[in-house]
Amino acid sequence: MKNLKEYIVPTITLFLICFAAALLLGLTNQVTAPKIAEIEEQTKQEAMKQVFPDADSFSEDKQANGCTYALALDADKNVIGYAVTAIGKGGYSGDISLMVGVDTEGKVSEITVLSQDETPSVGGKKVIQSESFFAQFTGLTENAGIGAGNVDAVSGATKTSTGVADAVNNALLCYKSIGQEVSTNG
C-alpha cells in the first residue's frame, strides 16, 4: 500500500498544479483578449490611414479569394483605392504582414508594416525600417520580384526582402481578384 501512495500523491499534486495553471492562463486570456483585439484594430486603422492619407474613411473589411481588404473612400464616398492586408512568406524569421495601398489603377501607392519578427539588426533595420527599400514598390502593378529587375534586395537581408516582395505580390493578386469579383457581381 505504501508503494501505491508514493505514486498517487505526487500524481494528484501534479494534476492539481497543472489544472490551476491552466485555469489561470484561461482567465488571463479571457481578460486580455478584448484589449488585444482593440489594439490590433487600432493598428490596422492607423496603417490604412498611412497608405491612404487622402482617404476620408474606409469600408468594413471585405474578402475576395482569401484576401482581406478595405475600400479607401474620399469625402464623396468614391473609391480611391484598396487597403490590402497582405502576408509575405519567406522572411528570415517567419511571415511578414503588410498593409499595402493599391490605387484604382492597380498600382502600389504606399506600404506599411503591420507585424514582423525579423532580426532587429539586419532584416528589421535594413529592410523593415528602410523607406528607400519600400519606395521601390511604388507604382508597380505586377511581379514585385527580387532580382526580376524591378526590386533590388537589401544586401545581407535577402530573405526579409523576399518576404516583403511576396506580400506585395499577394496584395497585387488580391487587387486582381477584387476586380474579377466586382465584374462578376456587378
N, C-alpha and C. Protein backbone atom coordinates (compact mmCIF):
# COMPACT_ATOMS: atom_id res chain seq x y z
N MET A 1 0.82 -1.19 0.00
CA MET A 1 0.00 0.00 0.00
C MET A 1 0.86 1.25 0.00
N LYS A 2 2.02 1.17 0.67
CA LYS A 2 2.91 2.32 0.71
C LYS A 2 3.41 2.67 -0.69
N ASN A 3 3.69 1.66 -1.52
CA ASN A 3 4.13 1.90 -2.89
C ASN A 3 3.08 2.64 -3.69
N LEU A 4 1.84 2.25 -3.54
CA LEU A 4 0.74 2.90 -4.26
C LEU A 4 0.62 4.37 -3.85
N LYS A 5 0.80 4.66 -2.57
CA LYS A 5 0.71 6.04 -2.06
C LYS A 5 1.84 6.90 -2.63
N GLU A 6 3.03 6.30 -2.85
CA GLU A 6 4.16 7.03 -3.42
C GLU A 6 3.86 7.53 -4.84
N TYR A 7 2.99 6.86 -5.56
CA TYR A 7 2.66 7.25 -6.93
C TYR A 7 1.41 8.14 -7.00
N ILE A 8 0.44 7.86 -6.19
CA ILE A 8 -0.83 8.58 -6.27
C ILE A 8 -0.71 10.02 -5.75
N VAL A 9 -0.06 10.24 -4.63
CA VAL A 9 0.04 11.57 -4.04
C VAL A 9 0.77 12.53 -5.00
N PRO A 10 1.95 12.18 -5.53
CA PRO A 10 2.61 13.11 -6.47
C PRO A 10 1.79 13.31 -7.76
N THR A 11 1.11 12.26 -8.22
CA THR A 11 0.29 12.38 -9.43
C THR A 11 -0.86 13.35 -9.21
N ILE A 12 -1.55 13.24 -8.13
CA ILE A 12 -2.67 14.14 -7.82
C ILE A 12 -2.16 15.56 -7.60
N THR A 13 -1.03 15.69 -6.91
CA THR A 13 -0.44 17.03 -6.68
C THR A 13 -0.08 17.68 -8.01
N LEU A 14 0.57 16.94 -8.89
CA LEU A 14 0.95 17.47 -10.20
C LEU A 14 -0.28 17.82 -11.03
N PHE A 15 -1.31 16.99 -10.96
CA PHE A 15 -2.56 17.27 -11.68
C PHE A 15 -3.18 18.58 -11.18
N LEU A 16 -3.23 18.77 -9.87
CA LEU A 16 -3.81 20.00 -9.31
C LEU A 16 -3.01 21.24 -9.70
N ILE A 17 -1.70 21.12 -9.69
CA ILE A 17 -0.85 22.25 -10.10
C ILE A 17 -1.10 22.60 -11.57
N CYS A 18 -1.14 21.59 -12.43
CA CYS A 18 -1.40 21.81 -13.86
C CYS A 18 -2.80 22.39 -14.09
N PHE A 19 -3.77 21.88 -13.37
CA PHE A 19 -5.14 22.37 -13.50
C PHE A 19 -5.22 23.85 -13.10
N ALA A 20 -4.59 24.21 -11.99
CA ALA A 20 -4.60 25.60 -11.53
C ALA A 20 -3.90 26.51 -12.54
N ALA A 21 -2.76 26.06 -13.07
CA ALA A 21 -2.03 26.87 -14.06
C ALA A 21 -2.87 27.06 -15.32
N ALA A 22 -3.51 26.00 -15.80
CA ALA A 22 -4.36 26.09 -17.00
C ALA A 22 -5.54 27.02 -16.75
N LEU A 23 -6.13 26.93 -15.59
CA LEU A 23 -7.26 27.80 -15.24
C LEU A 23 -6.83 29.26 -15.22
N LEU A 24 -5.68 29.56 -14.62
CA LEU A 24 -5.18 30.93 -14.57
C LEU A 24 -4.84 31.45 -15.96
N LEU A 25 -4.25 30.62 -16.80
CA LEU A 25 -3.95 31.03 -18.18
C LEU A 25 -5.22 31.32 -18.96
N GLY A 26 -6.22 30.49 -18.79
CA GLY A 26 -7.50 30.70 -19.46
C GLY A 26 -8.17 32.00 -19.03
N LEU A 27 -8.15 32.27 -17.73
CA LEU A 27 -8.73 33.51 -17.22
C LEU A 27 -7.96 34.73 -17.71
N THR A 28 -6.64 34.63 -17.74
CA THR A 28 -5.82 35.73 -18.24
C THR A 28 -6.14 36.02 -19.71
N ASN A 29 -6.27 34.97 -20.50
CA ASN A 29 -6.61 35.14 -21.91
C ASN A 29 -7.98 35.79 -22.07
N GLN A 30 -8.93 35.35 -21.27
CA GLN A 30 -10.29 35.90 -21.36
C GLN A 30 -10.30 37.39 -21.01
N VAL A 31 -9.49 37.80 -20.06
CA VAL A 31 -9.44 39.19 -19.64
C VAL A 31 -8.70 40.05 -20.68
N THR A 32 -7.62 39.54 -21.25
CA THR A 32 -6.79 40.35 -22.15
C THR A 32 -7.21 40.30 -23.61
N ALA A 33 -7.97 39.31 -24.04
CA ALA A 33 -8.32 39.16 -25.46
C ALA A 33 -9.03 40.38 -26.04
N PRO A 34 -10.01 40.97 -25.37
CA PRO A 34 -10.67 42.15 -25.95
C PRO A 34 -9.71 43.33 -26.14
N LYS A 35 -8.82 43.55 -25.19
CA LYS A 35 -7.86 44.65 -25.30
C LYS A 35 -6.89 44.39 -26.45
N ILE A 36 -6.44 43.16 -26.61
CA ILE A 36 -5.54 42.82 -27.71
C ILE A 36 -6.24 43.05 -29.04
N ALA A 37 -7.49 42.64 -29.16
CA ALA A 37 -8.25 42.84 -30.39
C ALA A 37 -8.43 44.34 -30.68
N GLU A 38 -8.67 45.12 -29.64
CA GLU A 38 -8.83 46.58 -29.81
C GLU A 38 -7.53 47.21 -30.32
N ILE A 39 -6.40 46.80 -29.76
CA ILE A 39 -5.10 47.33 -30.19
C ILE A 39 -4.80 46.93 -31.63
N GLU A 40 -5.11 45.68 -32.01
CA GLU A 40 -4.89 45.24 -33.38
C GLU A 40 -5.74 46.04 -34.36
N GLU A 41 -6.98 46.30 -34.00
CA GLU A 41 -7.87 47.10 -34.86
C GLU A 41 -7.36 48.53 -35.00
N GLN A 42 -6.89 49.11 -33.91
CA GLN A 42 -6.35 50.46 -33.94
C GLN A 42 -5.10 50.51 -34.82
N THR A 43 -4.24 49.51 -34.71
CA THR A 43 -3.04 49.44 -35.54
C THR A 43 -3.41 49.33 -37.01
N LYS A 44 -4.42 48.53 -37.31
CA LYS A 44 -4.87 48.38 -38.70
C LYS A 44 -5.43 49.68 -39.25
N GLN A 45 -6.23 50.38 -38.44
CA GLN A 45 -6.81 51.67 -38.88
C GLN A 45 -5.71 52.70 -39.15
N GLU A 46 -4.71 52.75 -38.27
CA GLU A 46 -3.59 53.67 -38.46
C GLU A 46 -2.81 53.32 -39.73
N ALA A 47 -2.62 52.02 -39.98
CA ALA A 47 -1.90 51.58 -41.19
C ALA A 47 -2.68 51.95 -42.44
N MET A 48 -4.01 51.79 -42.42
CA MET A 48 -4.81 52.16 -43.59
C MET A 48 -4.70 53.66 -43.85
N LYS A 49 -4.69 54.45 -42.79
CA LYS A 49 -4.56 55.90 -42.95
C LYS A 49 -3.17 56.26 -43.48
N GLN A 50 -2.16 55.47 -43.13
CA GLN A 50 -0.81 55.71 -43.65
C GLN A 50 -0.73 55.43 -45.15
N VAL A 51 -1.36 54.35 -45.60
CA VAL A 51 -1.25 54.01 -47.02
C VAL A 51 -2.18 54.84 -47.88
N PHE A 52 -3.22 55.42 -47.29
CA PHE A 52 -4.13 56.33 -48.00
C PHE A 52 -4.42 57.55 -47.13
N PRO A 53 -3.46 58.47 -47.03
CA PRO A 53 -3.66 59.65 -46.16
C PRO A 53 -4.80 60.55 -46.65
N ASP A 54 -5.13 60.50 -47.95
CA ASP A 54 -6.19 61.34 -48.50
C ASP A 54 -7.58 60.74 -48.30
N ALA A 55 -7.65 59.53 -47.81
CA ALA A 55 -8.95 58.88 -47.63
C ALA A 55 -9.70 59.54 -46.47
N ASP A 56 -10.98 59.72 -46.69
CA ASP A 56 -11.85 60.28 -45.66
C ASP A 56 -12.34 59.19 -44.71
N SER A 57 -12.54 57.98 -45.28
CA SER A 57 -12.99 56.84 -44.47
C SER A 57 -12.62 55.55 -45.17
N PHE A 58 -12.85 54.45 -44.47
CA PHE A 58 -12.58 53.12 -45.00
C PHE A 58 -13.79 52.24 -44.76
N SER A 59 -14.03 51.33 -45.69
CA SER A 59 -15.14 50.40 -45.52
C SER A 59 -14.78 49.34 -44.48
N GLU A 60 -15.76 48.56 -44.11
CA GLU A 60 -15.50 47.38 -43.29
C GLU A 60 -14.63 46.43 -44.11
N ASP A 61 -13.94 45.52 -43.42
CA ASP A 61 -13.12 44.54 -44.13
C ASP A 61 -13.98 43.72 -45.07
N LYS A 62 -13.42 43.44 -46.24
CA LYS A 62 -14.07 42.60 -47.24
C LYS A 62 -13.11 41.47 -47.59
N GLN A 63 -13.66 40.40 -48.14
CA GLN A 63 -12.87 39.24 -48.54
C GLN A 63 -13.04 39.01 -50.04
N ALA A 64 -11.95 38.63 -50.69
CA ALA A 64 -12.00 38.25 -52.10
C ALA A 64 -10.94 37.18 -52.33
N ASN A 65 -11.39 35.99 -52.67
CA ASN A 65 -10.48 34.87 -52.94
C ASN A 65 -9.42 34.70 -51.84
N GLY A 66 -9.84 34.79 -50.61
CA GLY A 66 -8.93 34.53 -49.49
C GLY A 66 -8.11 35.72 -49.04
N CYS A 67 -8.29 36.88 -49.63
CA CYS A 67 -7.53 38.05 -49.17
C CYS A 67 -8.48 39.03 -48.49
N THR A 68 -7.91 39.87 -47.64
CA THR A 68 -8.69 40.85 -46.88
C THR A 68 -8.31 42.25 -47.35
N TYR A 69 -9.32 43.08 -47.57
CA TYR A 69 -9.07 44.45 -48.00
C TYR A 69 -10.20 45.36 -47.50
N ALA A 70 -9.93 46.64 -47.54
CA ALA A 70 -10.95 47.65 -47.22
C ALA A 70 -10.89 48.70 -48.32
N LEU A 71 -12.05 49.23 -48.66
CA LEU A 71 -12.11 50.29 -49.65
C LEU A 71 -11.68 51.61 -49.00
N ALA A 72 -10.80 52.34 -49.68
CA ALA A 72 -10.43 53.69 -49.23
C ALA A 72 -11.37 54.65 -49.95
N LEU A 73 -12.11 55.45 -49.18
CA LEU A 73 -13.15 56.30 -49.75
C LEU A 73 -12.83 57.78 -49.52
N ASP A 74 -13.16 58.60 -50.53
CA ASP A 74 -12.99 60.05 -50.36
C ASP A 74 -14.23 60.62 -49.66
N ALA A 75 -14.29 61.93 -49.54
CA ALA A 75 -15.40 62.58 -48.82
C ALA A 75 -16.75 62.32 -49.48
N ASP A 76 -16.75 62.10 -50.82
CA ASP A 76 -17.99 61.81 -51.54
C ASP A 76 -18.30 60.32 -51.61
N LYS A 77 -17.56 59.52 -50.87
CA LYS A 77 -17.72 58.06 -50.81
C LYS A 77 -17.34 57.37 -52.12
N ASN A 78 -16.47 58.02 -52.92
CA ASN A 78 -15.93 57.39 -54.13
C ASN A 78 -14.70 56.57 -53.73
N VAL A 79 -14.52 55.42 -54.37
CA VAL A 79 -13.37 54.57 -54.08
C VAL A 79 -12.12 55.19 -54.69
N ILE A 80 -11.12 55.43 -53.84
CA ILE A 80 -9.84 55.96 -54.33
C ILE A 80 -8.74 54.90 -54.28
N GLY A 81 -9.05 53.74 -53.72
CA GLY A 81 -8.08 52.66 -53.67
C GLY A 81 -8.50 51.57 -52.72
N TYR A 82 -7.58 50.66 -52.51
CA TYR A 82 -7.83 49.48 -51.69
C TYR A 82 -6.69 49.32 -50.69
N ALA A 83 -7.02 49.22 -49.42
CA ALA A 83 -6.04 48.96 -48.37
C ALA A 83 -6.05 47.45 -48.14
N VAL A 84 -5.02 46.80 -48.65
CA VAL A 84 -4.96 45.34 -48.64
C VAL A 84 -4.04 44.85 -47.53
N THR A 85 -4.55 43.94 -46.70
CA THR A 85 -3.73 43.27 -45.70
C THR A 85 -3.07 42.09 -46.39
N ALA A 86 -1.74 42.12 -46.47
CA ALA A 86 -1.02 41.10 -47.22
C ALA A 86 0.03 40.42 -46.36
N ILE A 87 0.13 39.11 -46.50
CA ILE A 87 1.10 38.32 -45.76
C ILE A 87 2.15 37.82 -46.76
N GLY A 88 3.41 37.98 -46.39
CA GLY A 88 4.51 37.50 -47.22
C GLY A 88 5.22 36.34 -46.56
N LYS A 89 5.38 35.28 -47.30
CA LYS A 89 6.12 34.11 -46.81
C LYS A 89 7.60 34.29 -47.17
N GLY A 90 8.45 33.64 -46.46
CA GLY A 90 9.86 33.62 -46.84
C GLY A 90 10.74 34.59 -46.10
N GLY A 91 10.20 35.31 -45.12
CA GLY A 91 11.04 36.17 -44.31
C GLY A 91 12.00 35.32 -43.49
N TYR A 92 13.05 35.92 -43.00
CA TYR A 92 14.06 35.18 -42.24
C TYR A 92 13.48 34.54 -40.99
N SER A 93 12.63 35.28 -40.30
CA SER A 93 12.08 34.78 -39.04
C SER A 93 10.59 34.47 -39.10
N GLY A 94 10.05 34.32 -40.30
CA GLY A 94 8.63 33.99 -40.42
C GLY A 94 7.92 34.91 -41.38
N ASP A 95 6.61 34.92 -41.26
CA ASP A 95 5.78 35.72 -42.16
C ASP A 95 5.91 37.21 -41.84
N ILE A 96 5.70 38.01 -42.89
CA ILE A 96 5.72 39.47 -42.76
C ILE A 96 4.34 39.96 -43.18
N SER A 97 3.69 40.71 -42.31
CA SER A 97 2.35 41.22 -42.57
C SER A 97 2.43 42.71 -42.91
N LEU A 98 1.90 43.08 -44.07
CA LEU A 98 1.94 44.47 -44.52
C LEU A 98 0.54 44.98 -44.81
N MET A 99 0.39 46.29 -44.75
CA MET A 99 -0.78 46.97 -45.28
C MET A 99 -0.28 47.62 -46.57
N VAL A 100 -0.87 47.22 -47.69
CA VAL A 100 -0.43 47.72 -48.98
C VAL A 100 -1.57 48.53 -49.59
N GLY A 101 -1.26 49.77 -49.94
CA GLY A 101 -2.23 50.61 -50.64
C GLY A 101 -2.12 50.36 -52.13
N VAL A 102 -3.24 50.00 -52.75
CA VAL A 102 -3.27 49.79 -54.20
C VAL A 102 -4.33 50.75 -54.75
N ASP A 103 -3.91 51.62 -55.68
CA ASP A 103 -4.87 52.59 -56.20
C ASP A 103 -5.84 51.93 -57.18
N THR A 104 -6.77 52.69 -57.70
CA THR A 104 -7.82 52.12 -58.56
C THR A 104 -7.29 51.65 -59.90
N GLU A 105 -6.06 52.02 -60.24
CA GLU A 105 -5.44 51.55 -61.48
C GLU A 105 -4.59 50.30 -61.25
N GLY A 106 -4.53 49.84 -60.01
CA GLY A 106 -3.77 48.64 -59.69
C GLY A 106 -2.31 48.88 -59.41
N LYS A 107 -1.93 50.10 -59.08
CA LYS A 107 -0.55 50.44 -58.77
C LYS A 107 -0.37 50.54 -57.26
N VAL A 108 0.76 50.03 -56.79
CA VAL A 108 1.09 50.15 -55.37
C VAL A 108 1.33 51.62 -55.06
N SER A 109 0.61 52.14 -54.07
CA SER A 109 0.77 53.55 -53.73
C SER A 109 1.63 53.75 -52.48
N GLU A 110 1.49 52.87 -51.52
CA GLU A 110 2.23 53.01 -50.27
C GLU A 110 2.20 51.67 -49.53
N ILE A 111 3.19 51.45 -48.68
CA ILE A 111 3.29 50.21 -47.90
C ILE A 111 3.65 50.57 -46.47
N THR A 112 3.04 49.87 -45.52
CA THR A 112 3.46 49.99 -44.13
C THR A 112 3.42 48.60 -43.48
N VAL A 113 4.25 48.40 -42.50
CA VAL A 113 4.38 47.10 -41.84
C VAL A 113 3.36 46.98 -40.72
N LEU A 114 2.60 45.87 -40.73
CA LEU A 114 1.67 45.57 -39.64
C LEU A 114 2.36 44.76 -38.55
N SER A 115 3.04 43.69 -38.96
CA SER A 115 3.77 42.87 -37.99
C SER A 115 4.88 42.10 -38.69
N GLN A 116 5.93 41.84 -37.93
CA GLN A 116 7.08 41.08 -38.44
C GLN A 116 7.94 40.65 -37.27
N ASP A 117 8.71 39.62 -37.47
CA ASP A 117 9.60 39.11 -36.43
C ASP A 117 11.03 39.02 -36.93
N GLU A 118 11.39 39.88 -37.84
CA GLU A 118 12.74 39.83 -38.41
C GLU A 118 13.78 40.27 -37.38
N THR A 119 15.01 39.87 -37.59
CA THR A 119 16.08 40.21 -36.66
C THR A 119 16.25 41.73 -36.63
N PRO A 120 16.31 42.32 -35.46
CA PRO A 120 16.39 43.79 -35.37
C PRO A 120 17.63 44.38 -36.04
N SER A 121 18.73 43.67 -36.01
CA SER A 121 19.97 44.24 -36.52
C SER A 121 20.11 44.17 -38.03
N VAL A 122 19.49 43.19 -38.68
CA VAL A 122 19.68 43.05 -40.12
C VAL A 122 18.37 43.31 -40.85
N GLY A 123 17.50 42.30 -40.92
CA GLY A 123 16.25 42.44 -41.67
C GLY A 123 15.37 43.54 -41.14
N GLY A 124 15.28 43.67 -39.83
CA GLY A 124 14.42 44.68 -39.23
C GLY A 124 14.93 46.09 -39.45
N LYS A 125 16.22 46.25 -39.43
CA LYS A 125 16.79 47.59 -39.56
C LYS A 125 17.01 47.96 -41.03
N LYS A 126 17.60 47.05 -41.80
CA LYS A 126 17.94 47.36 -43.19
C LYS A 126 16.75 47.34 -44.13
N VAL A 127 15.75 46.51 -43.84
CA VAL A 127 14.62 46.38 -44.75
C VAL A 127 13.37 47.01 -44.17
N ILE A 128 12.91 46.51 -43.03
CA ILE A 128 11.63 46.90 -42.46
C ILE A 128 11.60 48.40 -42.12
N GLN A 129 12.73 48.97 -41.75
CA GLN A 129 12.77 50.39 -41.41
C GLN A 129 13.32 51.25 -42.55
N SER A 130 13.45 50.69 -43.74
CA SER A 130 14.06 51.40 -44.86
C SER A 130 13.01 51.95 -45.82
N GLU A 131 12.85 53.27 -45.81
CA GLU A 131 11.90 53.90 -46.72
C GLU A 131 12.34 53.72 -48.17
N SER A 132 13.65 53.74 -48.42
CA SER A 132 14.13 53.61 -49.80
C SER A 132 13.84 52.21 -50.35
N PHE A 133 13.87 51.18 -49.50
CA PHE A 133 13.54 49.84 -49.98
C PHE A 133 12.07 49.78 -50.37
N PHE A 134 11.19 50.28 -49.51
CA PHE A 134 9.75 50.25 -49.80
C PHE A 134 9.40 51.13 -50.99
N ALA A 135 10.16 52.20 -51.21
CA ALA A 135 9.88 53.10 -52.33
C ALA A 135 10.03 52.39 -53.68
N GLN A 136 10.82 51.31 -53.74
CA GLN A 136 10.98 50.56 -54.99
C GLN A 136 9.67 49.95 -55.47
N PHE A 137 8.75 49.71 -54.55
CA PHE A 137 7.49 49.06 -54.91
C PHE A 137 6.44 50.05 -55.42
N THR A 138 6.63 51.32 -55.13
CA THR A 138 5.65 52.33 -55.52
C THR A 138 5.49 52.35 -57.03
N GLY A 139 4.25 52.24 -57.48
CA GLY A 139 3.94 52.28 -58.91
C GLY A 139 3.93 50.92 -59.59
N LEU A 140 4.38 49.87 -58.89
CA LEU A 140 4.37 48.55 -59.50
C LEU A 140 2.94 48.05 -59.66
N THR A 141 2.71 47.33 -60.75
CA THR A 141 1.40 46.74 -60.98
C THR A 141 1.45 45.22 -60.97
N GLU A 142 2.62 44.66 -61.09
CA GLU A 142 2.77 43.20 -61.02
C GLU A 142 4.23 42.82 -60.89
N ASN A 143 4.47 41.57 -60.55
CA ASN A 143 5.80 40.99 -60.43
C ASN A 143 6.76 41.83 -59.61
N ALA A 144 6.44 42.00 -58.36
CA ALA A 144 7.34 42.69 -57.44
C ALA A 144 8.37 41.69 -56.96
N GLY A 145 9.18 41.20 -57.88
CA GLY A 145 10.11 40.13 -57.55
C GLY A 145 11.52 40.62 -57.31
N ILE A 146 12.15 40.04 -56.33
CA ILE A 146 13.55 40.32 -56.07
C ILE A 146 14.36 39.73 -57.22
N GLY A 147 15.21 40.52 -57.80
CA GLY A 147 16.04 40.04 -58.90
C GLY A 147 15.33 40.00 -60.24
N ALA A 148 14.07 40.43 -60.28
CA ALA A 148 13.32 40.44 -61.54
C ALA A 148 13.57 41.73 -62.31
N GLY A 149 14.46 42.55 -61.80
CA GLY A 149 14.79 43.78 -62.50
C GLY A 149 14.06 44.99 -61.96
N ASN A 150 13.05 44.81 -61.13
CA ASN A 150 12.31 45.98 -60.64
C ASN A 150 12.45 46.21 -59.14
N VAL A 151 12.97 45.26 -58.40
CA VAL A 151 13.18 45.44 -56.95
C VAL A 151 14.53 44.82 -56.59
N ASP A 152 15.37 45.61 -55.95
CA ASP A 152 16.67 45.12 -55.51
C ASP A 152 16.60 44.72 -54.05
N ALA A 153 17.12 43.54 -53.74
CA ALA A 153 17.16 43.07 -52.36
C ALA A 153 18.19 43.88 -51.59
N VAL A 154 18.00 43.94 -50.29
CA VAL A 154 18.96 44.61 -49.43
C VAL A 154 20.05 43.60 -49.10
N SER A 155 21.29 43.98 -49.32
CA SER A 155 22.43 43.10 -49.07
C SER A 155 22.44 42.66 -47.61
N GLY A 156 22.52 41.37 -47.38
CA GLY A 156 22.54 40.82 -46.04
C GLY A 156 21.15 40.55 -45.48
N ALA A 157 20.13 40.92 -46.23
CA ALA A 157 18.76 40.71 -45.76
C ALA A 157 17.87 40.24 -46.91
N THR A 158 18.39 39.32 -47.69
CA THR A 158 17.68 38.84 -48.87
C THR A 158 16.38 38.14 -48.51
N LYS A 159 16.38 37.35 -47.45
CA LYS A 159 15.15 36.64 -47.06
C LYS A 159 14.06 37.63 -46.64
N THR A 160 14.41 38.63 -45.88
CA THR A 160 13.44 39.63 -45.48
C THR A 160 12.93 40.38 -46.70
N SER A 161 13.83 40.75 -47.60
CA SER A 161 13.44 41.43 -48.83
C SER A 161 12.48 40.58 -49.64
N THR A 162 12.74 39.27 -49.71
CA THR A 162 11.88 38.35 -50.44
C THR A 162 10.51 38.24 -49.79
N GLY A 163 10.47 38.21 -48.46
CA GLY A 163 9.19 38.15 -47.75
C GLY A 163 8.34 39.38 -48.01
N VAL A 164 8.96 40.56 -48.05
CA VAL A 164 8.23 41.80 -48.34
C VAL A 164 7.71 41.76 -49.77
N ALA A 165 8.55 41.34 -50.71
CA ALA A 165 8.13 41.26 -52.12
C ALA A 165 6.97 40.28 -52.28
N ASP A 166 7.01 39.17 -51.55
CA ASP A 166 5.92 38.19 -51.61
C ASP A 166 4.61 38.80 -51.11
N ALA A 167 4.68 39.58 -50.04
CA ALA A 167 3.48 40.24 -49.51
C ALA A 167 2.92 41.24 -50.52
N VAL A 168 3.79 42.00 -51.17
CA VAL A 168 3.33 42.97 -52.17
C VAL A 168 2.70 42.24 -53.35
N ASN A 169 3.32 41.15 -53.79
CA ASN A 169 2.73 40.35 -54.87
C ASN A 169 1.35 39.83 -54.48
N ASN A 170 1.21 39.39 -53.23
CA ASN A 170 -0.09 38.90 -52.75
C ASN A 170 -1.13 40.02 -52.75
N ALA A 171 -0.70 41.24 -52.42
CA ALA A 171 -1.63 42.38 -52.45
C ALA A 171 -2.07 42.67 -53.88
N LEU A 172 -1.14 42.57 -54.83
CA LEU A 172 -1.49 42.82 -56.23
C LEU A 172 -2.41 41.72 -56.77
N LEU A 173 -2.19 40.48 -56.34
CA LEU A 173 -3.10 39.40 -56.72
C LEU A 173 -4.48 39.63 -56.12
N CYS A 174 -4.51 40.16 -54.91
CA CYS A 174 -5.78 40.48 -54.27
C CYS A 174 -6.51 41.54 -55.09
N TYR A 175 -5.79 42.56 -55.53
CA TYR A 175 -6.41 43.62 -56.34
C TYR A 175 -7.05 43.02 -57.59
N LYS A 176 -6.34 42.09 -58.23
CA LYS A 176 -6.88 41.46 -59.45
C LYS A 176 -8.13 40.66 -59.12
N SER A 177 -8.14 39.97 -57.99
CA SER A 177 -9.33 39.20 -57.63
C SER A 177 -10.49 40.12 -57.23
N ILE A 178 -10.18 41.29 -56.68
CA ILE A 178 -11.23 42.27 -56.37
C ILE A 178 -11.90 42.69 -57.67
N GLY A 179 -11.11 42.97 -58.68
CA GLY A 179 -11.64 43.38 -59.98
C GLY A 179 -12.51 42.29 -60.59
N GLN A 180 -12.08 41.04 -60.48
CA GLN A 180 -12.88 39.93 -61.03
C GLN A 180 -14.18 39.79 -60.25
N GLU A 181 -14.13 39.98 -58.94
CA GLU A 181 -15.34 39.85 -58.12
C GLU A 181 -16.33 40.96 -58.47
N VAL A 182 -15.83 42.18 -58.66
CA VAL A 182 -16.69 43.32 -58.99
C VAL A 182 -17.34 43.10 -60.36
N SER A 183 -16.57 42.61 -61.34
CA SER A 183 -17.13 42.41 -62.67
C SER A 183 -18.11 41.22 -62.68
N THR A 184 -17.90 40.24 -61.82
CA THR A 184 -18.80 39.10 -61.73
C THR A 184 -20.09 39.48 -61.01
N ASN A 185 -19.96 40.23 -59.91
CA ASN A 185 -21.14 40.58 -59.10
C ASN A 185 -21.79 41.90 -59.52
N GLY A 186 -21.17 42.60 -60.46
CA GLY A 186 -21.73 43.83 -60.96
C GLY A 186 -21.70 44.87 -59.92
